[in-house]
Amino acid sequence: MKKDQVAVLIPCYNEAGTISKVVKDYKRALPGALIYVYDNNSTDGTDKIAKAAGAIVRYEYIQGKGNVIRRMFREIDADCYLLVDGDDTYPSKDAKKMCNYILKKKFDMVIGDRLSSTYFKENKRRFHGFGNKLVKKLINIIFKSNVKDVMSGYRALSYNFVKTFPCISRRFEVETEMTIHALDKNFLISDIPINYKDRVTGSQSKLNTYSDGFKVLSMIYKLFRDYKPAAFFGLISLIFLIISISFGTPVFIEYFKTGLVPRFLTLIFSGFMLIISILLFICGIILEVVVRKHRQLFELILINTKK
């Protein structure tokens, strides 16, 4: 299959009011790029409008943004992928700059950073700003990074990143998963501030603040466990160790003073907590070795990925 230089990827679900403008804007911003619109069971004619505007329209019938992106990444070959939403919230004027970071500077991921510019002024949805800040803080603490906008849907991606990204997300947590994968696998990342604008009147967000927010936090929990097992299990091990010491210390103090152990159940409970703590710590060490080995194998795969 012939590889495109730049492919603009637009996942869509019921974006009839904005998709024509989005397709035309990116055709102007990136002359020669192929614009792919992947329709995800829209009922408002999004696919027909996108086709009339000049996009290549394809379909993903399993509902969810993560499923759409998985399909896109499997089917399309390009030197640079520009991922953008179909709701006209991301400015096309930054597209060329973001793609040049991939094509000329050889970055692997360029994130359109909403949070450093207009997001908190433009976004009218309750708790979305708080959720974005919380996720960003958690990711940067866990992975010792400085990503400005973890959940942005506006990204330029390299061929190597796309073809080695094991997407398991089904819905909107996919952006978080991409960010964590890039950080863990040491891909070269950059942030570019963009002037985010909120949805036009009549356009409805598909993101549920509470249920999708919980799914994102659940994804962070799982990826923290999978990518950083020594830290994850070490932290839980420390909690059990503190419990063991808290309950066991008074028993030992009393024993050294009187030579008696009147609280056998407390001593047994303390010892049980200590055993769990040790087992969790050992599990973390073993799993960390496994993860390190997987990182080594991933580097070999990356070297052999066709460019």
Foldseek 3Di string as FASTA:
>chain_A
DDAAAEEEEEEDAAQQPFQLVVLLQLCVLDPRYAYEYEYAPHDPCSQVSNVVSPHHYHYDPQDAPLSSLLVVLVPHHHQKYWFDYRQPFFHSNCVVVQSCCCVPVVAFKEAAAALVACCVVADDDPCPNVLQVVLQVLLCVLLVHRDRTQQGRTMMGGNLLSVLQPRDDGHSLRSNSSVNVCSLLVTGYYYDYTHTHDGDPPDDDPDDNPPVSVVNVVVSLVCSCQRQVLVNLLVVLVVLLVVLCVLQVVQVVVCVVPVDRPCVVSNVSSVVSNVSSVVSNVVSVVSVVVNVVVSVVSVVVSVPDDD
